[in-house]
Amino acid sequence: MTPTVTASHWGTTPRRSIEAECARRGERAVVAGCVNLLAGRVDDAELLRALGGPAATTVLHGQAEGVEGYWPRVWGARGLLCAWGDAAGTAVIRATADDAWRVREMVAKVVAKRRLGRAVPAMAALCDDPVPRVRRAAERALQMLVAPGARDGVGGRAGRQGGTAGRDGRAGRQGGTAGRRTADEYALPIDVESLYRRHVTEVDRQVLLAVTDRYHFPPRGRWFPA
């Protein structure tokens, strides 16, 4: 059984409900509660109702697999689309291996929304997920993460370390192709070649290795030893 609740039945939308809960108890507390739900700890029925609406009552009454099922985890992940704290990143990445495809799909959406750069390897793995909806969500997340200017992705770190425009500009002068979309099947909006030719941190290197492995760009150069 799938709990389905429209805004008309709920009297509000999930976003407005979550925003109201943040106003009532504080965003940090809401994020902590979402992380607990994502980890399978259902110990706050009031928050579950705020996240899931009337459908949460169905789950709390033991239907739709009850609190041991996947819906609380889905709602916990969805809550992180509207409320966020960096401490939630680890739980989001861990949930990419959840047994329930709806959870995997939702956390991929969170990764895209929050530009969670360290989730690139997990998103690359989900691109081979057996569920098409999960694959599409992961592919979109990867596109967002490796796009120039991504907050916590490759572009985001560049911006914090030395200014996104400046570093992208150097890449353009060195490679002559800054902003070029790659020719692979997903048309990722990043010039991987220029990234090879500029200094990157160890974290950047790990991110790029994950991307190049998934999209078949052969690593080379001193930052990509054989």
C-alpha atoms as a PDB file:
ATOM      1  CA  MET A   1       0.000   0.000   0.000  1.00  0.00           C
ATOM      2  CA  THR A   2       1.331   3.436  -0.955  1.00  0.00           C
ATOM      3  CA  PRO A   3       0.265   6.403   1.201  1.00  0.00           C
ATOM      4  CA  THR A   4      -0.849   9.087  -1.223  1.00  0.00           C
ATOM      5  CA  VAL A   5      -1.900  12.509   0.015  1.00  0.00           C
ATOM      6  CA  THR A   6      -2.540  15.524  -2.182  1.00  0.00           C
ATOM      7  CA  ALA A   7      -2.206  19.107  -1.027  1.00  0.00           C
ATOM      8  CA  SER A   8      -6.007  19.449  -1.084  1.00  0.00           C
ATOM      9  CA  HIS A   9      -6.396  16.530   1.346  1.00  0.00           C
ATOM     10  CA  TRP A  10      -3.562  17.798   3.519  1.00  0.00           C
ATOM     11  CA  GLY A  11      -4.625  21.436   3.474  1.00  0.00           C
ATOM     12  CA  THR A  12      -1.038  22.488   2.782  1.00  0.00           C
ATOM     13  CA  THR A  13       2.051  21.298   0.896  1.00  0.00           C
ATOM     14  CA  PRO A  14       5.012  19.316   2.237  1.00  0.00           C
ATOM     15  CA  ARG A  15       7.266  22.362   1.844  1.00  0.00           C
ATOM     16  CA  ARG A  16       4.936  24.664   3.762  1.00  0.00           C
ATOM     17  CA  SER A  17       4.435  22.070   6.460  1.00  0.00           C
ATOM     18  CA  ILE A  18       8.187  21.620   6.895  1.00  0.00           C
ATOM     19  CA  GLU A  19       8.779  25.371   6.890  1.00  0.00           C
ATOM     20  CA  ALA A  20       6.137  25.747   9.598  1.00  0.00           C
ATOM     21  CA  GLU A  21       7.826  23.037  11.647  1.00  0.00           C
ATOM     22  CA  CYS A  22      11.181  24.795  11.240  1.00  0.00           C
ATOM     23  CA  ALA A  23       9.600  28.002  12.487  1.00  0.00           C
ATOM     24  CA  ARG A  24       8.121  26.169  15.458  1.00  0.00           C
ATOM     25  CA  ARG A  25      11.076  24.090  16.653  1.00  0.00           C
ATOM     26  CA  GLY A  26      14.039  25.462  14.699  1.00  0.00           C
ATOM     27  CA  GLU A  27      15.647  24.273  11.488  1.00  0.00           C
ATOM     28  CA  ARG A  28      18.495  22.503  13.282  1.00  0.00           C
ATOM     29  CA  ALA A  29      16.053  20.368  15.271  1.00  0.00           C
ATOM     30  CA  VAL A  30      14.085  19.518  12.129  1.00  0.00           C
ATOM     31  CA  VAL A  31      17.254  18.507  10.291  1.00  0.00           C
ATOM     32  CA  ALA A  32      18.318  16.326  13.219  1.00  0.00           C
ATOM     33  CA  GLY A  33      14.913  14.666  13.183  1.00  0.00           C
ATOM     34  CA  CYS A  34      15.130  14.065   9.430  1.00  0.00           C
ATOM     35  CA  VAL A  35      18.550  12.461   9.886  1.00  0.00           C
ATOM     36  CA  ASN A  36      17.110  10.167  12.550  1.00  0.00           C
ATOM     37  CA  LEU A  37      14.287   9.138  10.237  1.00  0.00           C
ATOM     38  CA  LEU A  38      16.690   8.562   7.372  1.00  0.00           C
ATOM     39  CA  ALA A  39      18.669   6.247   9.638  1.00  0.00           C
ATOM     40  CA  GLY A  40      15.518   4.295  10.507  1.00  0.00           C
ATOM     41  CA  ARG A  41      14.937   5.805  13.959  1.00  0.00           C
ATOM     42  CA  VAL A  42      11.263   6.735  14.163  1.00  0.00           C
ATOM     43  CA  ASP A  43      10.945   8.326  17.598  1.00  0.00           C
ATOM     44  CA  ASP A  44       9.148  11.598  16.824  1.00  0.00           C
ATOM     45  CA  ALA A  45       5.571  11.034  15.661  1.00  0.00           C
ATOM     46  CA  GLU A  46       4.871  14.763  15.575  1.00  0.00           C
ATOM     47  CA  LEU A  47       7.713  15.418  13.159  1.00  0.00           C
ATOM     48  CA  LEU A  48       6.681  12.427  11.056  1.00  0.00           C
ATOM     49  CA  ARG A  49       3.213  13.953  10.698  1.00  0.00           C
ATOM     50  CA  ALA A  50       4.739  17.297   9.723  1.00  0.00           C
ATOM     51  CA  LEU A  51       6.837  15.592   7.049  1.00  0.00           C
ATOM     52  CA  GLY A  52       4.356  13.037   5.759  1.00  0.00           C
ATOM     53  CA  GLY A  53       1.011  14.691   6.405  1.00  0.00           C
ATOM     54  CA  PRO A  54      -2.090  12.510   6.885  1.00  0.00           C
ATOM     55  CA  ALA A  55      -0.249   9.602   5.262  1.00  0.00           C
ATOM     56  CA  ALA A  56       2.013   9.538   8.316  1.00  0.00           C
ATOM     57  CA  THR A  57      -0.990   8.594  10.445  1.00  0.00           C
ATOM     58  CA  THR A  58      -1.510   5.575   8.202  1.00  0.00           C
ATOM     59  CA  VAL A  59       2.083   4.537   8.811  1.00  0.00           C
ATOM     60  CA  LEU A  60       1.918   5.223  12.543  1.00  0.00           C
ATOM     61  CA  HIS A  61      -1.133   2.947  12.708  1.00  0.00           C
ATOM     62  CA  GLY A  62       0.940   0.099  11.297  1.00  0.00           C
ATOM     63  CA  GLN A  63      -0.270   0.186   7.703  1.00  0.00           C
ATOM     64  CA  ALA A  64       1.951   0.537   4.600  1.00  0.00           C
ATOM     65  CA  GLU A  65       4.606  -1.511   6.462  1.00  0.00           C
ATOM     66  CA  GLY A  66       4.347   0.789   9.478  1.00  0.00           C
ATOM     67  CA  VAL A  67       7.265   2.659  11.021  1.00  0.00           C
ATOM     68  CA  GLU A  68       9.569  -0.232  10.106  1.00  0.00           C
ATOM     69  CA  GLY A  69       8.879   0.366   6.421  1.00  0.00           C
ATOM     70  CA  TYR A  70      10.589   2.764   4.075  1.00  0.00           C
ATOM     71  CA  TRP A  71       8.119   5.674   4.102  1.00  0.00           C
ATOM     72  CA  PRO A  72       9.564   7.369   7.211  1.00  0.00           C
ATOM     73  CA  ARG A  73      12.991   7.283   5.541  1.00  0.00           C
ATOM     74  CA  VAL A  74      11.547   8.746   2.338  1.00  0.00           C
ATOM     75  CA  TRP A  75       9.902  11.563   4.292  1.00  0.00           C
ATOM     76  CA  GLY A  76      13.068  12.167   6.279  1.00  0.00           C
ATOM     77  CA  ALA A  77      14.998  12.578   3.050  1.00  0.00           C
ATOM     78  CA  ARG A  78      12.292  14.797   1.571  1.00  0.00           C
ATOM     79  CA  GLY A  79      12.485  17.000   4.633  1.00  0.00           C
ATOM     80  CA  LEU A  80      16.121  17.700   3.792  1.00  0.00           C
ATOM     81  CA  LEU A  81      15.006  19.283   0.532  1.00  0.00           C
ATOM     82  CA  CYS A  82      13.442  22.060   2.615  1.00  0.00           C
ATOM     83  CA  ALA A  83      15.617  22.123   5.746  1.00  0.00           C
ATOM     84  CA  TRP A  84      19.352  21.588   5.742  1.00  0.00           C
ATOM     85  CA  GLY A  85      22.508  21.482   7.797  1.00  0.00           C
ATOM     86  CA  ASP A  86      25.896  20.264   6.634  1.00  0.00           C
ATOM     87  CA  ALA A  87      25.886  17.608   9.362  1.00  0.00           C
ATOM     88  CA  ALA A  88      23.177  15.791   7.375  1.00  0.00           C
ATOM     89  CA  GLY A  89      25.548  15.057   4.485  1.00  0.00           C
ATOM     90  CA  THR A  90      26.936  11.813   5.894  1.00  0.00           C
ATOM     91  CA  ALA A  91      23.459  10.388   6.504  1.00  0.00           C
ATOM     92  CA  VAL A  92      22.391  11.333   2.979  1.00  0.00           C
ATOM     93  CA  ILE A  93      25.380   9.581   1.415  1.00  0.00           C
ATOM     94  CA  ARG A  94      24.842   6.504   3.572  1.00  0.00           C
ATOM     95  CA  ALA A  95      21.213   6.360   2.467  1.00  0.00           C
ATOM     96  CA  THR A  96      22.226   6.028  -1.187  1.00  0.00           C
ATOM     97  CA  ALA A  97      22.670   2.338  -0.373  1.00  0.00           C
ATOM     98  CA  ASP A  98      19.176   1.988   1.119  1.00  0.00           C
ATOM     99  CA  ASP A  99      17.254  -1.132   0.118  1.00  0.00           C
ATOM    100  CA  ALA A 100      14.207   0.937  -0.887  1.00  0.00           C
ATOM    101  CA  TRP A 101      14.449   2.571  -4.291  1.00  0.00           C
ATOM    102  CA  ARG A 102      12.217   5.467  -3.235  1.00  0.00           C
ATOM    103  CA  VAL A 103      14.750   6.372  -0.555  1.00  0.00           C
ATOM    104  CA  ARG A 104      17.644   6.178  -3.015  1.00  0.00           C
ATOM    105  CA  GLU A 105      15.763   8.385  -5.472  1.00  0.00           C
ATOM    106  CA  MET A 106      14.920  10.975  -2.817  1.00  0.00           C
ATOM    107  CA  VAL A 107      18.450  11.245  -1.441  1.00  0.00           C
ATOM    108  CA  ALA A 108      19.750  11.688  -4.992  1.00  0.00           C
ATOM    109  CA  LYS A 109      17.388  14.659  -5.252  1.00  0.00           C
ATOM    110  CA  VAL A 110      18.777  15.984  -1.972  1.00  0.00           C
ATOM    111  CA  VAL A 111      22.329  15.627  -3.292  1.00  0.00           C
ATOM    112  CA  ALA A 112      21.379  17.648  -6.381  1.00  0.00           C
ATOM    113  CA  LYS A 113      19.547  20.307  -4.365  1.00  0.00           C
ATOM    114  CA  ARG A 114      22.316  20.690  -1.776  1.00  0.00           C
ATOM    115  CA  ARG A 115      25.226  20.360  -4.228  1.00  0.00           C
ATOM    116  CA  LEU A 116      26.791  17.719  -1.986  1.00  0.00           C
ATOM    117  CA  GLY A 117      30.088  17.320  -3.796  1.00  0.00           C
ATOM    118  CA  ARG A 118      31.421  14.455  -1.708  1.00  0.00           C
ATOM    119  CA  ALA A 119      28.460  12.384  -2.873  1.00  0.00           C
ATOM    120  CA  VAL A 120      29.805  12.170  -6.443  1.00  0.00           C
ATOM    121  CA  PRO A 121      31.088   8.582  -6.066  1.00  0.00           C
ATOM    122  CA  ALA A 122      27.732   7.513  -4.623  1.00  0.00           C
ATOM    123  CA  MET A 123      25.853   9.215  -7.460  1.00  0.00           C
ATOM    124  CA  ALA A 124      28.138   7.571 -10.006  1.00  0.00           C
ATOM    125  CA  ALA A 125      27.251   4.209  -8.478  1.00  0.00           C
ATOM    126  CA  LEU A 126      23.517   4.988  -8.581  1.00  0.00           C
ATOM    127  CA  CYS A 127      23.775   5.658 -12.308  1.00  0.00           C
ATOM    128  CA  ASP A 128      23.827   1.858 -12.585  1.00  0.00           C
ATOM    129  CA  ASP A 129      20.843   1.380 -10.265  1.00  0.00           C
ATOM    130  CA  PRO A 130      18.297  -1.175 -11.533  1.00  0.00           C
ATOM    131  CA  VAL A 131      15.439   1.347 -11.100  1.00  0.00           C
ATOM    132  CA  PRO A 132      15.166   3.910 -13.947  1.00  0.00           C
ATOM    133  CA  ARG A 133      13.849   6.667 -11.668  1.00  0.00           C
ATOM    134  CA  VAL A 134      16.857   6.293  -9.398  1.00  0.00           C
ATOM    135  CA  ARG A 135      19.235   6.369 -12.355  1.00  0.00           C
ATOM    136  CA  ARG A 136      17.643   9.556 -13.708  1.00  0.00           C
ATOM    137  CA  ALA A 137      17.844  11.252 -10.316  1.00  0.00           C
ATOM    138  CA  ALA A 138      21.496  10.247  -9.928  1.00  0.00           C
ATOM    139  CA  GLU A 139      22.410  11.431 -13.420  1.00  0.00           C
ATOM    140  CA  ARG A 140      20.780  14.787 -12.771  1.00  0.00           C
ATOM    141  CA  ALA A 141      22.639  15.051  -9.455  1.00  0.00           C
ATOM    142  CA  LEU A 142      25.959  14.368 -11.185  1.00  0.00           C
ATOM    143  CA  GLN A 143      25.223  17.036 -13.762  1.00  0.00           C
ATOM    144  CA  MET A 144      24.501  19.519 -10.993  1.00  0.00           C
ATOM    145  CA  LEU A 145      27.576  18.547  -8.996  1.00  0.00           C
ATOM    146  CA  VAL A 146      30.145  18.835 -11.753  1.00  0.00           C
ATOM    147  CA  ALA A 147      28.667  21.964 -13.315  1.00  0.00           C
ATOM    148  CA  PRO A 148      30.813  25.109 -12.973  1.00  0.00           C
ATOM    149  CA  GLY A 149      29.696  27.008  -9.893  1.00  0.00           C
ATOM    150  CA  ALA A 150      28.331  23.990  -8.003  1.00  0.00           C
ATOM    151  CA  ARG A 151      28.317  24.966  -4.329  1.00  0.00           C
ATOM    152  CA  ASP A 152      29.822  21.869  -2.739  1.00  0.00           C
ATOM    153  CA  GLY A 153      30.968  20.213  -5.939  1.00  0.00           C
ATOM    154  CA  VAL A 154      34.061  20.913  -8.035  1.00  0.00           C
ATOM    155  CA  GLY A 155      33.002  24.480  -8.819  1.00  0.00           C
ATOM    156  CA  GLY A 156      31.945  25.196  -5.252  1.00  0.00           C
ATOM    157  CA  ARG A 157      35.351  24.335  -3.808  1.00  0.00           C
ATOM    158  CA  ALA A 158      37.033  26.374  -6.482  1.00  0.00           C
ATOM    159  CA  GLY A 159      34.925  29.340  -5.502  1.00  0.00           C
ATOM    160  CA  ARG A 160      35.791  29.083  -1.804  1.00  0.00           C
ATOM    161  CA  GLN A 161      39.481  28.591  -2.396  1.00  0.00           C
ATOM    162  CA  GLY A 162      40.217  31.222  -4.964  1.00  0.00           C
ATOM    163  CA  GLY A 163      37.085  32.531  -6.639  1.00  0.00           C
ATOM    164  CA  THR A 164      35.125  30.543  -9.150  1.00  0.00           C
ATOM    165  CA  ALA A 165      35.535  33.028 -11.949  1.00  0.00           C
ATOM    166  CA  GLY A 166      39.281  33.293 -11.444  1.00  0.00           C
ATOM    167  CA  ARG A 167      39.936  29.590 -11.414  1.00  0.00           C
ATOM    168  CA  ASP A 168      37.586  28.914 -14.286  1.00  0.00           C
ATOM    169  CA  GLY A 169      39.275  31.734 -16.152  1.00  0.00           C
ATOM    170  CA  ARG A 170      42.701  30.178 -15.670  1.00  0.00           C
ATOM    171  CA  ALA A 171      41.309  26.889 -16.865  1.00  0.00           C
ATOM    172  CA  GLY A 172      39.999  28.632 -19.957  1.00  0.00           C
ATOM    173  CA  ARG A 173      43.325  30.297 -20.698  1.00  0.00           C
ATOM    174  CA  GLN A 174      45.188  27.042 -20.247  1.00  0.00           C
ATOM    175  CA  GLY A 175      42.777  24.791 -22.051  1.00  0.00           C
ATOM    176  CA  GLY A 176      40.979  27.218 -24.334  1.00  0.00           C
ATOM    177  CA  THR A 177      37.695  25.395 -23.890  1.00  0.00           C
ATOM    178  CA  ALA A 178      36.235  26.550 -20.556  1.00  0.00           C
ATOM    179  CA  GLY A 179      32.491  26.013 -20.403  1.00  0.00           C
ATOM    180  CA  ARG A 180      32.496  23.452 -23.213  1.00  0.00           C
ATOM    181  CA  ARG A 181      30.000  20.655 -22.701  1.00  0.00           C
ATOM    182  CA  THR A 182      31.463  17.201 -22.936  1.00  0.00           C
ATOM    183  CA  ALA A 183      30.444  14.930 -25.781  1.00  0.00           C
ATOM    184  CA  ASP A 184      29.490  11.932 -23.673  1.00  0.00           C
ATOM    185  CA  GLU A 185      25.933  10.632 -23.644  1.00  0.00           C
ATOM    186  CA  TYR A 186      24.926  12.712 -20.629  1.00  0.00           C
ATOM    187  CA  ALA A 187      26.503  15.955 -21.924  1.00  0.00           C
ATOM    188  CA  LEU A 188      27.930  16.881 -18.531  1.00  0.00           C
ATOM    189  CA  PRO A 189      28.396  20.675 -18.378  1.00  0.00           C
ATOM    190  CA  ILE A 190      32.044  20.600 -17.434  1.00  0.00           C
ATOM    191  CA  ASP A 191      35.343  20.815 -19.274  1.00  0.00           C
ATOM    192  CA  VAL A 192      37.175  17.857 -17.783  1.00  0.00           C
ATOM    193  CA  GLU A 193      40.279  18.457 -19.862  1.00  0.00           C
ATOM    194  CA  SER A 194      40.805  21.922 -18.351  1.00  0.00           C
ATOM    195  CA  LEU A 195      40.381  20.471 -14.874  1.00  0.00           C
ATOM    196  CA  TYR A 196      43.226  18.059 -15.571  1.00  0.00           C
ATOM    197  CA  ARG A 197      45.480  21.010 -16.329  1.00  0.00           C
ATOM    198  CA  ARG A 198      44.968  22.960 -13.129  1.00  0.00           C
ATOM    199  CA  HIS A 199      45.961  22.361  -9.548  1.00  0.00           C
ATOM    200  CA  VAL A 200      43.316  20.433  -7.617  1.00  0.00           C
ATOM    201  CA  THR A 201      43.065  19.396  -3.993  1.00  0.00           C
ATOM    202  CA  GLU A 202      43.044  15.770  -2.910  1.00  0.00           C
ATOM    203  CA  VAL A 203      39.267  15.922  -2.494  1.00  0.00           C
ATOM    204  CA  ASP A 204      38.920  17.384  -6.004  1.00  0.00           C
ATOM    205  CA  ARG A 205      41.106  14.572  -7.292  1.00  0.00           C
ATOM    206  CA  GLN A 206      38.864  11.932  -5.724  1.00  0.00           C
ATOM    207  CA  VAL A 207      35.769  13.587  -7.143  1.00  0.00           C
ATOM    208  CA  LEU A 208      37.238  13.798 -10.625  1.00  0.00           C
ATOM    209  CA  LEU A 209      38.427  10.205 -10.492  1.00  0.00           C
ATOM    210  CA  ALA A 210      34.887   9.099  -9.720  1.00  0.00           C
ATOM    211  CA  VAL A 211      33.463  11.168 -12.566  1.00  0.00           C
ATOM    212  CA  THR A 212      36.090  10.146 -15.087  1.00  0.00           C
ATOM    213  CA  ASP A 213      35.706   6.493 -14.178  1.00  0.00           C
ATOM    214  CA  ARG A 214      31.922   6.629 -14.623  1.00  0.00           C
ATOM    215  CA  TYR A 215      32.020   8.603 -17.859  1.00  0.00           C
ATOM    216  CA  HIS A 216      35.113   7.008 -19.373  1.00  0.00           C
ATOM    217  CA  PHE A 217      37.508   9.970 -19.445  1.00  0.00           C
ATOM    218  CA  PRO A 218      40.984   8.406 -19.061  1.00  0.00           C
ATOM    219  CA  PRO A 219      42.795  10.062 -16.089  1.00  0.00           C
ATOM    220  CA  ARG A 220      46.288  11.304 -16.790  1.00  0.00           C
ATOM    221  CA  GLY A 221      48.878  13.721 -15.482  1.00  0.00           C
ATOM    222  CA  ARG A 222      50.594  14.039 -12.124  1.00  0.00           C
ATOM    223  CA  TRP A 223      47.282  14.421 -10.282  1.00  0.00           C
ATOM    224  CA  PHE A 224      46.049  11.161 -11.754  1.00  0.00           C
ATOM    225  CA  PRO A 225      48.935   8.710 -11.383  1.00  0.00           C
ATOM    226  CA  ALA A 226      48.547   5.349 -13.053  1.00  0.00           C
END
